[in-house]
Amino acid sequence: MSAEVKSTTKSNPISITPTALEQLTRLRNELGVNEEHHLRIGVRGGGCSGFEYQLGFDLPEEDDQQFAVGEETVLMKPGHALYLLGMEIDWATGLENRGFTFNNPNATETCGCGTSFSA
């Protein structure tokens, strides 16, 4: 049973590049994620720089903010926007780096892994 999302944002706090959206669609199909699950973006304490990014498919919760980026519905806890506002999620395909990348203007320091930051 999924909770009805009550909070929505009027503008998108983050952006996702077309390449990253393609990879999210590919992952959704490969993993068999159903339409009730949406993309959750957030932060949690940890990592080498203080915070780690969270990115995964999840069911909506009552206190989530919800917005659309392309064909993807994105969920975010209200308190996480402080750390993620203006962030761009991209997909890298370079020789040394392959996967989702987080370009966050709020990060004052990042680590070499690219998934940890401080603000």
C-alpha atoms as a PDB file:
ATOM      1  CA  MET A   1       0.000   0.000   0.000  1.00  0.00           C
ATOM      2  CA  SER A   2       1.579   3.273  -1.047  1.00  0.00           C
ATOM      3  CA  ALA A   3       1.021   6.570   0.736  1.00  0.00           C
ATOM      4  CA  GLU A   4      -0.507   9.402  -1.224  1.00  0.00           C
ATOM      5  CA  VAL A   5       1.970  12.177  -1.898  1.00  0.00           C
ATOM      6  CA  LYS A   6       0.623  15.452  -0.515  1.00  0.00           C
ATOM      7  CA  SER A   7       3.529  17.828  -1.091  1.00  0.00           C
ATOM      8  CA  THR A   8       4.603  18.920  -4.554  1.00  0.00           C
ATOM      9  CA  THR A   9       7.082  21.489  -5.759  1.00  0.00           C
ATOM     10  CA  LYS A  10       6.309  24.072  -8.431  1.00  0.00           C
ATOM     11  CA  SER A  11       9.782  24.032  -9.984  1.00  0.00           C
ATOM     12  CA  ASN A  12      12.333  21.245 -10.192  1.00  0.00           C
ATOM     13  CA  PRO A  13      15.039  21.542  -7.543  1.00  0.00           C
ATOM     14  CA  ILE A  14      17.345  19.284  -9.596  1.00  0.00           C
ATOM     15  CA  SER A  15      17.913  18.441 -13.240  1.00  0.00           C
ATOM     16  CA  ILE A  16      18.687  15.134 -14.935  1.00  0.00           C
ATOM     17  CA  THR A  17      20.435  15.068 -18.294  1.00  0.00           C
ATOM     18  CA  PRO A  18      18.853  13.159 -21.204  1.00  0.00           C
ATOM     19  CA  THR A  19      21.685  10.588 -21.037  1.00  0.00           C
ATOM     20  CA  ALA A  20      21.029   9.946 -17.335  1.00  0.00           C
ATOM     21  CA  LEU A  21      17.269   9.675 -18.014  1.00  0.00           C
ATOM     22  CA  GLU A  22      17.994   7.023 -20.672  1.00  0.00           C
ATOM     23  CA  GLN A  23      20.051   5.049 -18.146  1.00  0.00           C
ATOM     24  CA  LEU A  24      17.309   5.319 -15.516  1.00  0.00           C
ATOM     25  CA  THR A  25      14.799   3.943 -18.035  1.00  0.00           C
ATOM     26  CA  ARG A  26      17.226   1.119 -18.884  1.00  0.00           C
ATOM     27  CA  LEU A  27      17.690   0.299 -15.182  1.00  0.00           C
ATOM     28  CA  ARG A  28      13.948   0.431 -14.523  1.00  0.00           C
ATOM     29  CA  ASN A  29      13.361  -2.082 -17.333  1.00  0.00           C
ATOM     30  CA  GLU A  30      16.295  -4.358 -16.417  1.00  0.00           C
ATOM     31  CA  LEU A  31      15.298  -4.490 -12.752  1.00  0.00           C
ATOM     32  CA  GLY A  32      11.574  -4.857 -13.489  1.00  0.00           C
ATOM     33  CA  VAL A  33      10.658  -1.804 -11.389  1.00  0.00           C
ATOM     34  CA  ASN A  34       6.909  -1.210 -11.606  1.00  0.00           C
ATOM     35  CA  GLU A  35       5.175   2.130 -12.212  1.00  0.00           C
ATOM     36  CA  GLU A  36       4.249   2.536  -8.529  1.00  0.00           C
ATOM     37  CA  HIS A  37       7.940   3.087  -7.738  1.00  0.00           C
ATOM     38  CA  HIS A  38       9.512   6.454  -8.515  1.00  0.00           C
ATOM     39  CA  LEU A  39      13.058   7.783  -8.481  1.00  0.00           C
ATOM     40  CA  ARG A  40      14.126   8.864  -4.982  1.00  0.00           C
ATOM     41  CA  ILE A  41      16.942  11.377  -4.679  1.00  0.00           C
ATOM     42  CA  GLY A  42      18.353  12.321  -1.315  1.00  0.00           C
ATOM     43  CA  VAL A  43      21.334  12.586   0.991  1.00  0.00           C
ATOM     44  CA  ARG A  44      22.432  10.792   4.132  1.00  0.00           C
ATOM     45  CA  GLY A  45      25.249  11.263   6.566  1.00  0.00           C
ATOM     46  CA  GLY A  46      28.400   9.298   5.757  1.00  0.00           C
ATOM     47  CA  GLY A  47      30.979   8.917   3.058  1.00  0.00           C
ATOM     48  CA  CYS A  48      34.452  10.399   3.087  1.00  0.00           C
ATOM     49  CA  SER A  49      33.245  14.008   2.882  1.00  0.00           C
ATOM     50  CA  GLY A  50      30.267  13.992   5.267  1.00  0.00           C
ATOM     51  CA  PHE A  51      27.228  13.279   3.060  1.00  0.00           C
ATOM     52  CA  GLU A  52      26.440  10.613   0.484  1.00  0.00           C
ATOM     53  CA  TYR A  53      23.970  10.878  -2.367  1.00  0.00           C
ATOM     54  CA  GLN A  54      21.021   8.487  -2.467  1.00  0.00           C
ATOM     55  CA  LEU A  55      19.545   7.476  -5.800  1.00  0.00           C
ATOM     56  CA  GLY A  56      17.107   4.607  -6.224  1.00  0.00           C
ATOM     57  CA  PHE A  57      13.562   3.535  -6.967  1.00  0.00           C
ATOM     58  CA  ASP A  58      11.105   3.734  -4.080  1.00  0.00           C
ATOM     59  CA  LEU A  59       7.433   4.039  -3.192  1.00  0.00           C
ATOM     60  CA  PRO A  60       6.124   7.538  -2.355  1.00  0.00           C
ATOM     61  CA  GLU A  61       5.820   8.451   1.319  1.00  0.00           C
ATOM     62  CA  GLU A  62       3.434  10.958   2.881  1.00  0.00           C
ATOM     63  CA  ASP A  63       6.008  13.722   3.450  1.00  0.00           C
ATOM     64  CA  ASP A  64       7.725  13.474   0.039  1.00  0.00           C
ATOM     65  CA  GLN A  65       8.009  16.329  -2.402  1.00  0.00           C
ATOM     66  CA  GLN A  66       7.281  15.121  -5.913  1.00  0.00           C
ATOM     67  CA  PHE A  67       8.217  16.566  -9.293  1.00  0.00           C
ATOM     68  CA  ALA A  68       8.649  15.395 -12.873  1.00  0.00           C
ATOM     69  CA  VAL A  69      11.872  15.395 -14.856  1.00  0.00           C
ATOM     70  CA  GLY A  70      11.287  14.078 -18.355  1.00  0.00           C
ATOM     71  CA  GLU A  71       9.284  10.873 -18.031  1.00  0.00           C
ATOM     72  CA  GLU A  72      10.548  10.259 -14.491  1.00  0.00           C
ATOM     73  CA  THR A  73       8.663  11.168 -11.320  1.00  0.00           C
ATOM     74  CA  VAL A  74      11.187  12.196  -8.673  1.00  0.00           C
ATOM     75  CA  LEU A  75      10.685  11.942  -4.894  1.00  0.00           C
ATOM     76  CA  MET A  76      12.631  13.977  -2.346  1.00  0.00           C
ATOM     77  CA  LYS A  77      12.287  14.641   1.364  1.00  0.00           C
ATOM     78  CA  PRO A  78      11.736  18.378   2.040  1.00  0.00           C
ATOM     79  CA  GLY A  79      14.897  18.747   4.140  1.00  0.00           C
ATOM     80  CA  HIS A  80      17.112  17.326   1.401  1.00  0.00           C
ATOM     81  CA  ALA A  81      16.435  20.176  -1.041  1.00  0.00           C
ATOM     82  CA  LEU A  82      18.765  22.396   1.022  1.00  0.00           C
ATOM     83  CA  TYR A  83      21.689  20.185  -0.046  1.00  0.00           C
ATOM     84  CA  LEU A  84      20.503  19.330  -3.557  1.00  0.00           C
ATOM     85  CA  LEU A  85      18.977  22.536  -4.955  1.00  0.00           C
ATOM     86  CA  GLY A  86      20.414  23.185  -8.413  1.00  0.00           C
ATOM     87  CA  MET A  87      22.132  19.792  -8.694  1.00  0.00           C
ATOM     88  CA  GLU A  88      22.469  18.074 -12.067  1.00  0.00           C
ATOM     89  CA  ILE A  89      22.572  14.293 -12.378  1.00  0.00           C
ATOM     90  CA  ASP A  90      24.426  13.032 -15.439  1.00  0.00           C
ATOM     91  CA  TRP A  91      25.704   9.719 -16.800  1.00  0.00           C
ATOM     92  CA  ALA A  92      29.444   9.428 -17.456  1.00  0.00           C
ATOM     93  CA  THR A  93      30.856   6.980 -19.982  1.00  0.00           C
ATOM     94  CA  GLY A  94      34.566   7.815 -19.808  1.00  0.00           C
ATOM     95  CA  LEU A  95      37.449   5.356 -19.498  1.00  0.00           C
ATOM     96  CA  GLU A  96      38.025   6.109 -15.809  1.00  0.00           C
ATOM     97  CA  ASN A  97      34.459   6.840 -14.767  1.00  0.00           C
ATOM     98  CA  ARG A  98      31.210   5.153 -15.766  1.00  0.00           C
ATOM     99  CA  GLY A  99      27.956   5.737 -13.939  1.00  0.00           C
ATOM    100  CA  PHE A 100      25.836   8.483 -12.485  1.00  0.00           C
ATOM    101  CA  THR A 101      27.601  11.718 -11.620  1.00  0.00           C
ATOM    102  CA  PHE A 102      26.350  14.482  -9.348  1.00  0.00           C
ATOM    103  CA  ASN A 103      27.189  18.092 -10.224  1.00  0.00           C
ATOM    104  CA  ASN A 104      26.170  19.881  -7.052  1.00  0.00           C
ATOM    105  CA  PRO A 105      26.668  23.665  -6.697  1.00  0.00           C
ATOM    106  CA  ASN A 106      26.083  23.362  -2.928  1.00  0.00           C
ATOM    107  CA  ALA A 107      29.046  21.040  -2.364  1.00  0.00           C
ATOM    108  CA  THR A 108      31.963  22.849  -0.761  1.00  0.00           C
ATOM    109  CA  GLU A 109      34.130  19.738  -0.975  1.00  0.00           C
ATOM    110  CA  THR A 110      33.863  16.415  -2.798  1.00  0.00           C
ATOM    111  CA  CYS A 111      35.869  13.220  -2.692  1.00  0.00           C
ATOM    112  CA  GLY A 112      37.426  11.166  -5.472  1.00  0.00           C
ATOM    113  CA  CYS A 113      34.559   8.675  -5.607  1.00  0.00           C
ATOM    114  CA  GLY A 114      32.097  11.394  -6.685  1.00  0.00           C
ATOM    115  CA  THR A 115      29.303  10.131  -4.435  1.00  0.00           C
ATOM    116  CA  SER A 116      30.308  11.971  -1.260  1.00  0.00           C
ATOM    117  CA  PHE A 117      30.347  15.703  -0.486  1.00  0.00           C
ATOM    118  CA  SER A 118      30.284  18.313   2.251  1.00  0.00           C
ATOM    119  CA  ALA A 119      28.158  21.440   2.285  1.00  0.00           C
END
